[in-house]
Structure formats: structure tokens, C-alpha cells
């Protein structure tokens, strides 16, 4: 019969550091946003340049309404921001955290291919 390991110290340490379920749920929801190819394409496009909806639609060869829908989701999640330029809304990555998430994702994928 195998001996049982005593994990009590490790479990106690992790339990003290583990964020509350609500925060972990929010983190899971954030990562779900990155699970959609269209949203990833939009984020990567904005990683390269600020763009208006019509430019993103042309770039991705999609309807403006579909891009607007995805931009609203990304904006509501505070992943993208927008500013007015005359009558046009120009979209951009909300902050350096979003840029870092994208960079880290690509670094991870490229590391796997080596």
C-alpha cells in the first residue's frame, strides 16, 4: 500500500494566497474574451495601430456591424478604448496590460514551436 504524502503545509500556504472565487471567476471571464478569433484579430490589429471601425472591417474583410459588436465587447471589458476624431471613433488598446497579454501569448506560442 502506497504511503500518503502530507500536503497540509502546501495546502495551507496556497489557501492563504488563493484569491476569492469572484476574482478568479472574473479572471476566467477575461480569458474567455481571448477565445474568439475575431476579437484576437481586432486586438492584434490595434496592437499595431489605432484604427477606426471601417479600417478594421476592411482589414479583416468583415462587415462593420460585426466589428462594432466585437469592439463593444472589448470596450466593455476595458481591453480597448476609443477617442473621437471629428465624426470618427478611433480605437486603441486600453493600456499596456493588454499589450503585454498579447505579447506573452505570442512569446508562449513561438517558444512551443522551437
PDB file of N, CA and C in Angstrom:
ATOM      1  N   UNK A   1       0.842  -1.183   0.000  1.00  0.00           N
ATOM      2  CA  UNK A   1       0.000   0.000   0.000  1.00  0.00           C
ATOM      3  C   UNK A   1       0.890   1.250   0.000  1.00  0.00           C
ATOM      4  N   UNK A   2       0.655   2.185  -0.967  1.00  0.00           N
ATOM      5  CA  UNK A   2       1.487   3.384  -1.056  1.00  0.00           C
ATOM      6  C   UNK A   2       1.294   4.285   0.157  1.00  0.00           C
ATOM      7  N   UNK A   3       2.384   4.954   0.531  1.00  0.00           N
ATOM      8  CA  UNK A   3       2.327   5.897   1.637  1.00  0.00           C
ATOM      9  C   UNK A   3       1.666   7.183   1.180  1.00  0.00           C
ATOM     10  N   UNK A   4       0.883   7.748   2.033  1.00  0.00           N
ATOM     11  CA  UNK A   4       0.243   9.029   1.756  1.00  0.00           C
ATOM     12  C   UNK A   4       1.206  10.158   2.098  1.00  0.00           C
ATOM     13  N   UNK A   5       1.256  11.150   1.232  1.00  0.00           N
ATOM     14  CA  UNK A   5       2.105  12.316   1.488  1.00  0.00           C
ATOM     15  C   UNK A   5       1.345  13.312   2.345  1.00  0.00           C
ATOM     16  N   UNK A   6       2.082  14.050   3.133  1.00  0.00           N
ATOM     17  CA  UNK A   6       1.479  15.104   3.940  1.00  0.00           C
ATOM     18  C   UNK A   6       1.569  16.411   3.143  1.00  0.00           C
ATOM     19  N   UNK A   7       0.437  16.842   2.622  1.00  0.00           N
ATOM     20  CA  UNK A   7       0.374  18.054   1.811  1.00  0.00           C
ATOM     21  C   UNK A   7      -0.158  19.241   2.598  1.00  0.00           C
ATOM     22  N   UNK A   8      -0.333  19.084   3.882  1.00  0.00           N
ATOM     23  CA  UNK A   8      -1.016  20.114   4.675  1.00  0.00           C
ATOM     24  C   UNK A   8      -0.306  21.468   4.623  1.00  0.00           C
ATOM     25  N   UNK A   9       1.016  21.498   4.657  1.00  0.00           N
ATOM     26  CA  UNK A   9       1.730  22.779   4.621  1.00  0.00           C
ATOM     27  C   UNK A   9       1.539  23.483   3.280  1.00  0.00           C
ATOM     28  N   UNK A  10       1.634  22.729   2.190  1.00  0.00           N
ATOM     29  CA  UNK A  10       1.448  23.307   0.857  1.00  0.00           C
ATOM     30  C   UNK A  10       0.011  23.791   0.682  1.00  0.00           C
ATOM     31  N   UNK A  11      -0.939  23.003   1.127  1.00  0.00           N
ATOM     32  CA  UNK A  11      -2.350  23.384   1.008  1.00  0.00           C
ATOM     33  C   UNK A  11      -2.635  24.636   1.820  1.00  0.00           C
ATOM     34  N   UNK A  12      -2.087  24.712   3.028  1.00  0.00           N
ATOM     35  CA  UNK A  12      -2.287  25.893   3.879  1.00  0.00           C
ATOM     36  C   UNK A  12      -1.689  27.132   3.207  1.00  0.00           C
ATOM     37  N   UNK A  13      -0.486  27.019   2.656  1.00  0.00           N
ATOM     38  CA  UNK A  13       0.169  28.151   2.009  1.00  0.00           C
ATOM     39  C   UNK A  13      -0.621  28.640   0.798  1.00  0.00           C
ATOM     40  N   UNK A  14      -1.080  27.705  -0.017  1.00  0.00           N
ATOM     41  CA  UNK A  14      -1.844  28.089  -1.214  1.00  0.00           C
ATOM     42  C   UNK A  14      -3.193  28.669  -0.825  1.00  0.00           C
ATOM     43  N   UNK A  15      -3.841  28.091   0.161  1.00  0.00           N
ATOM     44  CA  UNK A  15      -5.146  28.582   0.618  1.00  0.00           C
ATOM     45  C   UNK A  15      -5.051  30.039   1.061  1.00  0.00           C
ATOM     46  N   UNK A  16      -3.971  30.392   1.736  1.00  0.00           N
ATOM     47  CA  UNK A  16      -3.801  31.765   2.211  1.00  0.00           C
ATOM     48  C   UNK A  16      -3.580  32.743   1.059  1.00  0.00           C
ATOM     49  N   UNK A  17      -3.029  32.270  -0.054  1.00  0.00           N
ATOM     50  CA  UNK A  17      -2.721  33.145  -1.191  1.00  0.00           C
ATOM     51  C   UNK A  17      -3.786  33.128  -2.285  1.00  0.00           C
ATOM     52  N   UNK A  18      -4.664  32.144  -2.250  1.00  0.00           N
ATOM     53  CA  UNK A  18      -5.661  31.974  -3.302  1.00  0.00           C
ATOM     54  C   UNK A  18      -6.666  33.126  -3.288  1.00  0.00           C
ATOM     55  N   UNK A  19      -6.823  33.817  -4.416  1.00  0.00           N
ATOM     56  CA  UNK A  19      -7.822  34.900  -4.472  1.00  0.00           C
ATOM     57  C   UNK A  19      -9.235  34.358  -4.268  1.00  0.00           C
ATOM     58  N   UNK A  20     -10.132  35.247  -3.940  1.00  0.00           N
ATOM     59  CA  UNK A  20     -11.537  34.871  -3.744  1.00  0.00           C
ATOM     60  C   UNK A  20     -12.125  34.363  -5.053  1.00  0.00           C
ATOM     61  N   UNK A  21     -13.145  33.501  -4.946  1.00  0.00           N
ATOM     62  CA  UNK A  21     -13.784  32.895  -6.115  1.00  0.00           C
ATOM     63  C   UNK A  21     -14.283  33.933  -7.107  1.00  0.00           C
ATOM     64  N   UNK A  22     -14.821  35.044  -6.616  1.00  0.00           N
ATOM     65  CA  UNK A  22     -15.355  36.080  -7.509  1.00  0.00           C
ATOM     66  C   UNK A  22     -14.249  36.635  -8.410  1.00  0.00           C
ATOM     67  N   UNK A  23     -13.086  36.887  -7.846  1.00  0.00           N
ATOM     68  CA  UNK A  23     -11.968  37.407  -8.629  1.00  0.00           C
ATOM     69  C   UNK A  23     -11.470  36.361  -9.631  1.00  0.00           C
ATOM     70  N   UNK A  24     -11.406  35.118  -9.212  1.00  0.00           N
ATOM     71  CA  UNK A  24     -10.983  34.046 -10.128  1.00  0.00           C
ATOM     72  C   UNK A  24     -11.993  33.861 -11.254  1.00  0.00           C
ATOM     73  N   UNK A  25     -13.271  34.027 -10.946  1.00  0.00           N
ATOM     74  CA  UNK A  25     -14.320  33.952 -11.973  1.00  0.00           C
ATOM     75  C   UNK A  25     -14.141  35.097 -12.977  1.00  0.00           C
ATOM     76  N   UNK A  26     -13.868  36.302 -12.479  1.00  0.00           N
ATOM     77  CA  UNK A  26     -13.623  37.453 -13.359  1.00  0.00           C
ATOM     78  C   UNK A  26     -12.405  37.210 -14.246  1.00  0.00           C
ATOM     79  N   UNK A  27     -11.370  36.602 -13.696  1.00  0.00           N
ATOM     80  CA  UNK A  27     -10.174  36.290 -14.473  1.00  0.00           C
ATOM     81  C   UNK A  27     -10.508  35.287 -15.574  1.00  0.00           C
ATOM     82  N   UNK A  28     -11.311  34.285 -15.235  1.00  0.00           N
ATOM     83  CA  UNK A  28     -11.748  33.312 -16.245  1.00  0.00           C
ATOM     84  C   UNK A  28     -12.537  33.984 -17.353  1.00  0.00           C
ATOM     85  N   UNK A  29     -13.416  34.911 -16.974  1.00  0.00           N
ATOM     86  CA  UNK A  29     -14.207  35.644 -17.975  1.00  0.00           C
ATOM     87  C   UNK A  29     -13.308  36.485 -18.876  1.00  0.00           C
ATOM     88  N   UNK A  30     -12.281  37.102 -18.288  1.00  0.00           N
ATOM     89  CA  UNK A  30     -11.337  37.880 -19.090  1.00  0.00           C
ATOM     90  C   UNK A  30     -10.671  36.997 -20.139  1.00  0.00           C
ATOM     91  N   UNK A  31     -10.194  35.837 -19.723  1.00  0.00           N
ATOM     92  CA  UNK A  31      -9.517  34.958 -20.668  1.00  0.00           C
ATOM     93  C   UNK A  31     -10.474  34.392 -21.719  1.00  0.00           C
ATOM     94  N   UNK A  32     -11.748  34.273 -21.398  1.00  0.00           N
ATOM     95  CA  UNK A  32     -12.724  33.828 -22.402  1.00  0.00           C
ATOM     96  C   UNK A  32     -12.796  34.814 -23.567  1.00  0.00           C
ATOM     97  N   UNK A  33     -12.598  36.096 -23.262  1.00  0.00           N
ATOM     98  CA  UNK A  33     -12.645  37.109 -24.319  1.00  0.00           C
ATOM     99  C   UNK A  33     -11.565  36.879 -25.366  1.00  0.00           C
ATOM    100  N   UNK A  34     -10.463  36.281 -24.945  1.00  0.00           N
ATOM    101  CA  UNK A  34      -9.362  36.000 -25.868  1.00  0.00           C
ATOM    102  C   UNK A  34      -9.601  34.703 -26.644  1.00  0.00           C
ATOM    103  N   UNK A  35     -10.720  34.040 -26.383  1.00  0.00           N
ATOM    104  CA  UNK A  35     -11.031  32.772 -27.038  1.00  0.00           C
ATOM    105  C   UNK A  35     -11.758  32.917 -28.364  1.00  0.00           C
ATOM    106  N   UNK A  36     -11.958  34.130 -28.820  1.00  0.00           N
ATOM    107  CA  UNK A  36     -12.671  34.375 -30.071  1.00  0.00           C
ATOM    108  C   UNK A  36     -11.673  34.906 -31.105  1.00  0.00           C
ATOM    109  N   UNK A  37     -11.576  34.235 -32.249  1.00  0.00           N
ATOM    110  CA  UNK A  37     -10.600  34.597 -33.274  1.00  0.00           C
ATOM    111  C   UNK A  37     -10.791  36.024 -33.782  1.00  0.00           C
ATOM    112  N   UNK A  38     -12.025  36.446 -33.970  1.00  0.00           N
ATOM    113  CA  UNK A  38     -12.264  37.808 -34.453  1.00  0.00           C
ATOM    114  C   UNK A  38     -11.753  38.829 -33.447  1.00  0.00           C
ATOM    115  N   UNK A  39     -12.039  38.608 -32.169  1.00  0.00           N
ATOM    116  CA  UNK A  39     -11.558  39.550 -31.153  1.00  0.00           C
ATOM    117  C   UNK A  39     -10.029  39.566 -31.107  1.00  0.00           C
ATOM    118  N   UNK A  40      -9.412  38.399 -31.250  1.00  0.00           N
ATOM    119  CA  UNK A  40      -7.943  38.347 -31.261  1.00  0.00           C
ATOM    120  C   UNK A  40      -7.401  39.118 -32.457  1.00  0.00           C
ATOM    121  N   UNK A  41      -8.029  38.960 -33.621  1.00  0.00           N
ATOM    122  CA  UNK A  41      -7.586  39.706 -34.807  1.00  0.00           C
ATOM    123  C   UNK A  41      -7.716  41.210 -34.588  1.00  0.00           C
ATOM    124  N   UNK A  42      -8.812  41.620 -33.973  1.00  0.00           N
ATOM    125  CA  UNK A  42      -9.009  43.047 -33.687  1.00  0.00           C
ATOM    126  C   UNK A  42      -7.940  43.538 -32.722  1.00  0.00           C
ATOM    127  N   UNK A  43      -7.724  42.795 -31.642  1.00  0.00           N
ATOM    128  CA  UNK A  43      -6.716  43.195 -30.662  1.00  0.00           C
ATOM    129  C   UNK A  43      -5.329  43.258 -31.288  1.00  0.00           C
ATOM    130  N   UNK A  44      -5.013  42.272 -32.102  1.00  0.00           N
ATOM    131  CA  UNK A  44      -3.693  42.290 -32.738  1.00  0.00           C
ATOM    132  C   UNK A  44      -3.570  43.469 -33.701  1.00  0.00           C
ATOM    133  N   UNK A  45      -4.642  43.773 -34.423  1.00  0.00           N
ATOM    134  CA  UNK A  45      -4.625  44.935 -35.328  1.00  0.00           C
ATOM    135  C   UNK A  45      -4.383  46.217 -34.541  1.00  0.00           C
ATOM    136  N   UNK A  46      -5.052  46.340 -33.389  1.00  0.00           N
ATOM    137  CA  UNK A  46      -4.884  47.526 -32.564  1.00  0.00           C
ATOM    138  C   UNK A  46      -3.534  47.530 -31.846  1.00  0.00           C
ATOM    139  N   UNK A  47      -2.942  46.362 -31.718  1.00  0.00           N
ATOM    140  CA  UNK A  47      -1.579  46.255 -31.182  1.00  0.00           C
ATOM    141  C   UNK A  47      -0.621  46.994 -32.110  1.00  0.00           C
ATOM    142  N   UNK A  48      -0.927  46.944 -33.412  1.00  0.00           N
ATOM    143  CA  UNK A  48      -0.061  47.558 -34.423  1.00  0.00           C
ATOM    144  C   UNK A  48      -0.373  49.028 -34.671  1.00  0.00           C
ATOM    145  N   UNK A  49      -1.648  49.425 -34.548  1.00  0.00           N
ATOM    146  CA  UNK A  49      -2.026  50.801 -34.872  1.00  0.00           C
ATOM    147  C   UNK A  49      -3.415  51.126 -34.339  1.00  0.00           C
ATOM    148  N   UNK A  50      -3.657  52.401 -34.034  1.00  0.00           N
ATOM    149  CA  UNK A  50      -5.008  52.858 -33.750  1.00  0.00           C
ATOM    150  C   UNK A  50      -5.796  52.801 -35.051  1.00  0.00           C
ATOM    151  N   UNK A  51      -7.058  52.363 -34.983  1.00  0.00           N
ATOM    152  CA  UNK A  51      -7.859  52.204 -36.195  1.00  0.00           C
ATOM    153  C   UNK A  51      -9.320  52.545 -35.934  1.00  0.00           C
ATOM    154  N   UNK A  52     -10.007  52.982 -36.984  1.00  0.00           N
ATOM    155  CA  UNK A  52     -11.451  53.179 -36.896  1.00  0.00           C
ATOM    156  C   UNK A  52     -12.144  51.876 -37.297  1.00  0.00           C
ATOM    157  N   UNK A  53     -13.443  51.804 -37.054  1.00  0.00           N
ATOM    158  CA  UNK A  53     -14.209  50.592 -37.347  1.00  0.00           C
ATOM    159  C   UNK A  53     -14.110  50.216 -38.819  1.00  0.00           C
ATOM    160  N   UNK A  54     -14.231  51.196 -39.706  1.00  0.00           N
ATOM    161  CA  UNK A  54     -14.221  50.872 -41.135  1.00  0.00           C
ATOM    162  C   UNK A  54     -12.865  50.315 -41.568  1.00  0.00           C
ATOM    163  N   UNK A  55     -11.773  50.809 -40.977  1.00  0.00           N
ATOM    164  CA  UNK A  55     -10.447  50.277 -41.313  1.00  0.00           C
ATOM    165  C   UNK A  55     -10.292  48.839 -40.815  1.00  0.00           C
ATOM    166  N   UNK A  56     -10.784  48.563 -39.609  1.00  0.00           N
ATOM    167  CA  UNK A  56     -10.712  47.198 -39.076  1.00  0.00           C
ATOM    168  C   UNK A  56     -11.548  46.262 -39.929  1.00  0.00           C
ATOM    169  N   UNK A  57     -12.745  46.713 -40.313  1.00  0.00           N
ATOM    170  CA  UNK A  57     -13.628  45.897 -41.150  1.00  0.00           C
ATOM    171  C   UNK A  57     -12.966  45.576 -42.487  1.00  0.00           C
ATOM    172  N   UNK A  58     -12.354  46.566 -43.077  1.00  0.00           N
ATOM    173  CA  UNK A  58     -11.660  46.350 -44.359  1.00  0.00           C
ATOM    174  C   UNK A  58     -10.477  45.406 -44.181  1.00  0.00           C
ATOM    175  N   UNK A  59      -9.713  45.630 -43.144  1.00  0.00           N
ATOM    176  CA  UNK A  59      -8.545  44.808 -42.860  1.00  0.00           C
ATOM    177  C   UNK A  59      -8.924  43.333 -42.659  1.00  0.00           C
ATOM    178  N   UNK A  60      -9.994  43.102 -41.899  1.00  0.00           N
ATOM    179  CA  UNK A  60     -10.411  41.728 -41.586  1.00  0.00           C
ATOM    180  C   UNK A  60     -11.413  41.159 -42.592  1.00  0.00           C
ATOM    181  N   UNK A  61     -11.777  41.993 -43.582  1.00  0.00           N
ATOM    182  CA  UNK A  61     -12.747  41.575 -44.607  1.00  0.00           C
ATOM    183  C   UNK A  61     -14.051  41.094 -43.965  1.00  0.00           C
ATOM    184  N   UNK A  62     -14.576  41.957 -43.094  1.00  0.00           N
ATOM    185  CA  UNK A  62     -15.817  41.669 -42.380  1.00  0.00           C
ATOM    186  C   UNK A  62     -16.727  42.887 -42.429  1.00  0.00           C
ATOM    187  N   UNK A  63     -17.982  42.676 -42.088  1.00  0.00           N
ATOM    188  CA  UNK A  63     -18.951  43.775 -42.042  1.00  0.00           C
ATOM    189  C   UNK A  63     -18.654  44.678 -40.840  1.00  0.00           C
ATOM    190  N   UNK A  64     -18.904  45.970 -41.035  1.00  0.00           N
ATOM    191  CA  UNK A  64     -18.696  46.923 -39.943  1.00  0.00           C
ATOM    192  C   UNK A  64     -19.537  46.581 -38.723  1.00  0.00           C
ATOM    193  N   UNK A  65     -20.751  46.099 -38.941  1.00  0.00           N
ATOM    194  CA  UNK A  65     -21.631  45.776 -37.804  1.00  0.00           C
ATOM    195  C   UNK A  65     -21.035  44.664 -36.947  1.00  0.00           C
ATOM    196  N   UNK A  66     -20.407  43.676 -37.584  1.00  0.00           N
ATOM    197  CA  UNK A  66     -19.780  42.583 -36.838  1.00  0.00           C
ATOM    198  C   UNK A  66     -18.580  43.101 -36.042  1.00  0.00           C
ATOM    199  N   UNK A  67     -17.809  43.999 -36.642  1.00  0.00           N
ATOM    200  CA  UNK A  67     -16.653  44.574 -35.960  1.00  0.00           C
ATOM    201  C   UNK A  67     -17.124  45.452 -34.801  1.00  0.00           C
ATOM    202  N   UNK A  68     -18.142  46.252 -35.027  1.00  0.00           N
ATOM    203  CA  UNK A  68     -18.684  47.116 -33.972  1.00  0.00           C
ATOM    204  C   UNK A  68     -19.155  46.296 -32.779  1.00  0.00           C
ATOM    205  N   UNK A  69     -19.805  45.176 -33.052  1.00  0.00           N
ATOM    206  CA  UNK A  69     -20.283  44.288 -31.979  1.00  0.00           C
ATOM    207  C   UNK A  69     -19.109  43.787 -31.138  1.00  0.00           C
ATOM    208  N   UNK A  70     -18.049  43.337 -31.803  1.00  0.00           N
ATOM    209  CA  UNK A  70     -16.884  42.821 -31.078  1.00  0.00           C
ATOM    210  C   UNK A  70     -16.146  43.945 -30.345  1.00  0.00           C
ATOM    211  N   UNK A  71     -16.076  45.117 -30.945  1.00  0.00           N
ATOM    212  CA  UNK A  71     -15.441  46.253 -30.282  1.00  0.00           C
ATOM    213  C   UNK A  71     -16.192  46.648 -29.014  1.00  0.00           C
ATOM    214  N   UNK A  72     -17.509  46.564 -29.039  1.00  0.00           N
ATOM    215  CA  UNK A  72     -18.295  46.866 -27.839  1.00  0.00           C
ATOM    216  C   UNK A  72     -17.955  45.895 -26.721  1.00  0.00           C
ATOM    217  N   UNK A  73     -17.848  44.615 -27.058  1.00  0.00           N
ATOM    218  CA  UNK A  73     -17.482  43.602 -26.059  1.00  0.00           C
ATOM    219  C   UNK A  73     -16.095  43.915 -25.488  1.00  0.00           C
ATOM    220  N   UNK A  74     -15.148  44.226 -26.355  1.00  0.00           N
ATOM    221  CA  UNK A  74     -13.782  44.524 -25.914  1.00  0.00           C
ATOM    222  C   UNK A  74     -13.726  45.819 -25.102  1.00  0.00           C
ATOM    223  N   UNK A  75     -14.525  46.793 -25.499  1.00  0.00           N
ATOM    224  CA  UNK A  75     -14.560  48.064 -24.772  1.00  0.00           C
ATOM    225  C   UNK A  75     -15.198  47.881 -23.399  1.00  0.00           C
ATOM    226  N   UNK A  76     -16.297  47.130 -23.332  1.00  0.00           N
ATOM    227  CA  UNK A  76     -16.961  46.861 -22.055  1.00  0.00           C
ATOM    228  C   UNK A  76     -16.025  46.130 -21.087  1.00  0.00           C
ATOM    229  N   UNK A  77     -15.131  45.323 -21.635  1.00  0.00           N
ATOM    230  CA  UNK A  77     -14.164  44.580 -20.815  1.00  0.00           C
ATOM    231  C   UNK A  77     -12.911  45.418 -20.524  1.00  0.00           C
ATOM    232  N   UNK A  78     -12.912  46.657 -20.995  1.00  0.00           N
ATOM    233  CA  UNK A  78     -11.784  47.586 -20.795  1.00  0.00           C
ATOM    234  C   UNK A  78     -10.489  47.086 -21.429  1.00  0.00           C
ATOM    235  N   UNK A  79     -10.630  46.359 -22.549  1.00  0.00           N
ATOM    236  CA  UNK A  79      -9.457  45.911 -23.302  1.00  0.00           C
ATOM    237  C   UNK A  79      -9.106  46.892 -24.405  1.00  0.00           C
ATOM    238  N   UNK A  80     -10.109  47.619 -24.897  1.00  0.00           N
ATOM    239  CA  UNK A  80      -9.863  48.675 -25.882  1.00  0.00           C
ATOM    240  C   UNK A  80     -10.517  49.959 -25.405  1.00  0.00           C
ATOM    241  N   UNK A  81      -9.973  51.049 -25.884  1.00  0.00           N
ATOM    242  CA  UNK A  81     -10.553  52.352 -25.628  1.00  0.00           C
ATOM    243  C   UNK A  81     -10.831  53.024 -26.951  1.00  0.00           C
ATOM    244  N   UNK A  82     -11.534  54.143 -26.903  1.00  0.00           N
ATOM    245  CA  UNK A  82     -11.770  54.870 -28.154  1.00  0.00           C
ATOM    246  C   UNK A  82     -11.786  56.358 -27.869  1.00  0.00           C
ATOM    247  N   UNK A  83     -11.467  57.093 -28.910  1.00  0.00           N
ATOM    248  CA  UNK A  83     -11.496  58.551 -28.849  1.00  0.00           C
ATOM    249  C   UNK A  83     -12.138  59.059 -30.131  1.00  0.00           C
ATOM    250  N   UNK A  84     -12.717  60.242 -30.020  1.00  0.00           N
ATOM    251  CA  UNK A  84     -13.342  60.871 -31.190  1.00  0.00           C
ATOM    252  C   UNK A  84     -12.284  61.629 -31.980  1.00  0.00           C
ATOM    253  N   UNK A  85     -12.353  61.468 -33.289  1.00  0.00           N
ATOM    254  CA  UNK A  85     -11.524  62.252 -34.198  1.00  0.00           C
ATOM    255  C   UNK A  85     -12.498  62.817 -35.227  1.00  0.00           C
ATOM    256  N   UNK A  86     -13.037  64.001 -34.935  1.00  0.00           N
ATOM    257  CA  UNK A  86     -14.106  64.544 -35.768  1.00  0.00           C
ATOM    258  C   UNK A  86     -15.366  63.717 -35.564  1.00  0.00           C
ATOM    259  N   UNK A  87     -15.862  63.119 -36.639  1.00  0.00           N
ATOM    260  CA  UNK A  87     -17.063  62.291 -36.550  1.00  0.00           C
ATOM    261  C   UNK A  87     -16.723  60.801 -36.435  1.00  0.00           C
ATOM    262  N   UNK A  88     -15.439  60.485 -36.339  1.00  0.00           N
ATOM    263  CA  UNK A  88     -14.984  59.093 -36.353  1.00  0.00           C
ATOM    264  C   UNK A  88     -14.497  58.661 -34.977  1.00  0.00           C
ATOM    265  N   UNK A  89     -14.862  57.452 -34.566  1.00  0.00           N
ATOM    266  CA  UNK A  89     -14.303  56.854 -33.357  1.00  0.00           C
ATOM    267  C   UNK A  89     -13.043  56.090 -33.745  1.00  0.00           C
ATOM    268  N   UNK A  90     -11.968  56.380 -33.056  1.00  0.00           N
ATOM    269  CA  UNK A  90     -10.697  55.693 -33.296  1.00  0.00           C
ATOM    270  C   UNK A  90     -10.435  54.796 -32.086  1.00  0.00           C
ATOM    271  N   UNK A  91     -10.163  53.524 -32.354  1.00  0.00           N
ATOM    272  CA  UNK A  91      -9.977  52.534 -31.295  1.00  0.00           C
ATOM    273  C   UNK A  91      -8.498  52.234 -31.089  1.00  0.00           C
ATOM    274  N   UNK A  92      -8.164  51.871 -29.856  1.00  0.00           N
ATOM    275  CA  UNK A  92      -6.783  51.571 -29.478  1.00  0.00           C
ATOM    276  C   UNK A  92      -6.810  50.590 -28.303  1.00  0.00           C
ATOM    277  N   UNK A  93      -5.683  49.939 -28.046  1.00  0.00           N
ATOM    278  CA  UNK A  93      -5.583  49.066 -26.882  1.00  0.00           C
ATOM    279  C   UNK A  93      -5.691  49.928 -25.632  1.00  0.00           C
ATOM    280  N   UNK A  94      -6.433  49.461 -24.658  1.00  0.00           N
ATOM    281  CA  UNK A  94      -6.742  50.269 -23.483  1.00  0.00           C
ATOM    282  C   UNK A  94      -5.513  50.643 -22.661  1.00  0.00           C
ATOM    283  N   UNK A  95      -4.577  49.716 -22.522  1.00  0.00           N
ATOM    284  CA  UNK A  95      -3.390  50.015 -21.734  1.00  0.00           C
ATOM    285  C   UNK A  95      -2.281  49.000 -22.024  1.00  0.00           C
ATOM    286  N   UNK A  96      -1.167  49.190 -21.355  1.00  0.00           N
ATOM    287  CA  UNK A  96      -0.018  48.308 -21.587  1.00  0.00           C
ATOM    288  C   UNK A  96      -0.265  46.882 -21.119  1.00  0.00           C
ATOM    289  N   UNK A  97      -1.213  46.678 -20.194  1.00  0.00           N
ATOM    290  CA  UNK A  97      -1.521  45.318 -19.750  1.00  0.00           C
ATOM    291  C   UNK A  97      -2.037  44.475 -20.917  1.00  0.00           C
ATOM    292  N   UNK A  98      -2.891  45.062 -21.735  1.00  0.00           N
ATOM    293  CA  UNK A  98      -3.446  44.341 -22.886  1.00  0.00           C
ATOM    294  C   UNK A  98      -2.323  44.004 -23.861  1.00  0.00           C
ATOM    295  N   UNK A  99      -1.452  44.960 -24.092  1.00  0.00           N
ATOM    296  CA  UNK A  99      -0.293  44.745 -24.978  1.00  0.00           C
ATOM    297  C   UNK A  99       0.565  43.605 -24.432  1.00  0.00           C
ATOM    298  N   UNK A 100       0.779  43.577 -23.131  1.00  0.00           N
ATOM    299  CA  UNK A 100       1.595  42.532 -22.502  1.00  0.00           C
ATOM    300  C   UNK A 100       0.942  41.163 -22.634  1.00  0.00           C
ATOM    301  N   UNK A 101      -0.367  41.094 -22.458  1.00  0.00           N
ATOM    302  CA  UNK A 101      -1.080  39.809 -22.596  1.00  0.00           C
ATOM    303  C   UNK A 101      -0.877  39.257 -24.003  1.00  0.00           C
ATOM    304  N   UNK A 102      -1.025  40.107 -25.008  1.00  0.00           N
ATOM    305  CA  UNK A 102      -0.848  39.676 -26.398  1.00  0.00           C
ATOM    306  C   UNK A 102       0.596  39.256 -26.642  1.00  0.00           C
ATOM    307  N   UNK A 103       1.542  40.064 -26.193  1.00  0.00           N
ATOM    308  CA  UNK A 103       2.965  39.735 -26.368  1.00  0.00           C
ATOM    309  C   UNK A 103       3.317  38.415 -25.692  1.00  0.00           C
ATOM    310  N   UNK A 104       2.844  38.226 -24.473  1.00  0.00           N
ATOM    311  CA  UNK A 104       3.151  36.999 -23.736  1.00  0.00           C
ATOM    312  C   UNK A 104       2.538  35.786 -24.422  1.00  0.00           C
ATOM    313  N   UNK A 105       1.320  35.941 -24.946  1.00  0.00           N
ATOM    314  CA  UNK A 105       0.687  34.848 -25.679  1.00  0.00           C
ATOM    315  C   UNK A 105       1.501  34.440 -26.889  1.00  0.00           C
ATOM    316  N   UNK A 106       1.952  35.426 -27.652  1.00  0.00           N
ATOM    317  CA  UNK A 106       2.770  35.124 -28.826  1.00  0.00           C
ATOM    318  C   UNK A 106       4.116  34.532 -28.440  1.00  0.00           C
ATOM    319  N   UNK A 107       4.732  35.075 -27.393  1.00  0.00           N
ATOM    320  CA  UNK A 107       6.005  34.516 -26.925  1.00  0.00           C
ATOM    321  C   UNK A 107       5.839  33.046 -26.549  1.00  0.00           C
ATOM    322  N   UNK A 108       4.750  32.742 -25.871  1.00  0.00           N
ATOM    323  CA  UNK A 108       4.483  31.357 -25.468  1.00  0.00           C
ATOM    324  C   UNK A 108       4.319  30.454 -26.692  1.00  0.00           C
ATOM    325  N   UNK A 109       3.562  30.922 -27.672  1.00  0.00           N
ATOM    326  CA  UNK A 109       3.343  30.116 -28.887  1.00  0.00           C
ATOM    327  C   UNK A 109       4.636  29.913 -29.659  1.00  0.00           C
ATOM    328  N   UNK A 110       5.436  30.957 -29.771  1.00  0.00           N
ATOM    329  CA  UNK A 110       6.684  30.857 -30.519  1.00  0.00           C
ATOM    330  C   UNK A 110       7.691  29.946 -29.799  1.00  0.00           C
ATOM    331  N   UNK A 111       7.673  29.970 -28.485  1.00  0.00           N
ATOM    332  CA  UNK A 111       8.551  29.107 -27.693  1.00  0.00           C
ATOM    333  C   UNK A 111       8.218  27.630 -27.933  1.00  0.00           C
ATOM    334  N   UNK A 112       6.925  27.341 -28.037  1.00  0.00           N
ATOM    335  CA  UNK A 112       6.474  25.963 -28.277  1.00  0.00           C
ATOM    336  C   UNK A 112       6.930  25.453 -29.633  1.00  0.00           C
ATOM    337  N   UNK A 113       7.075  26.362 -30.612  1.00  0.00           N
ATOM    338  CA  UNK A 113       7.433  25.955 -31.976  1.00  0.00           C
ATOM    339  C   UNK A 113       8.925  25.706 -32.142  1.00  0.00           C
ATOM    340  N   UNK A 114       9.729  26.140 -31.168  1.00  0.00           N
ATOM    341  CA  UNK A 114      11.188  25.957 -31.254  1.00  0.00           C
ATOM    342  C   UNK A 114      11.581  24.537 -30.931  1.00  0.00           C
TER     343      UNK A 114
END
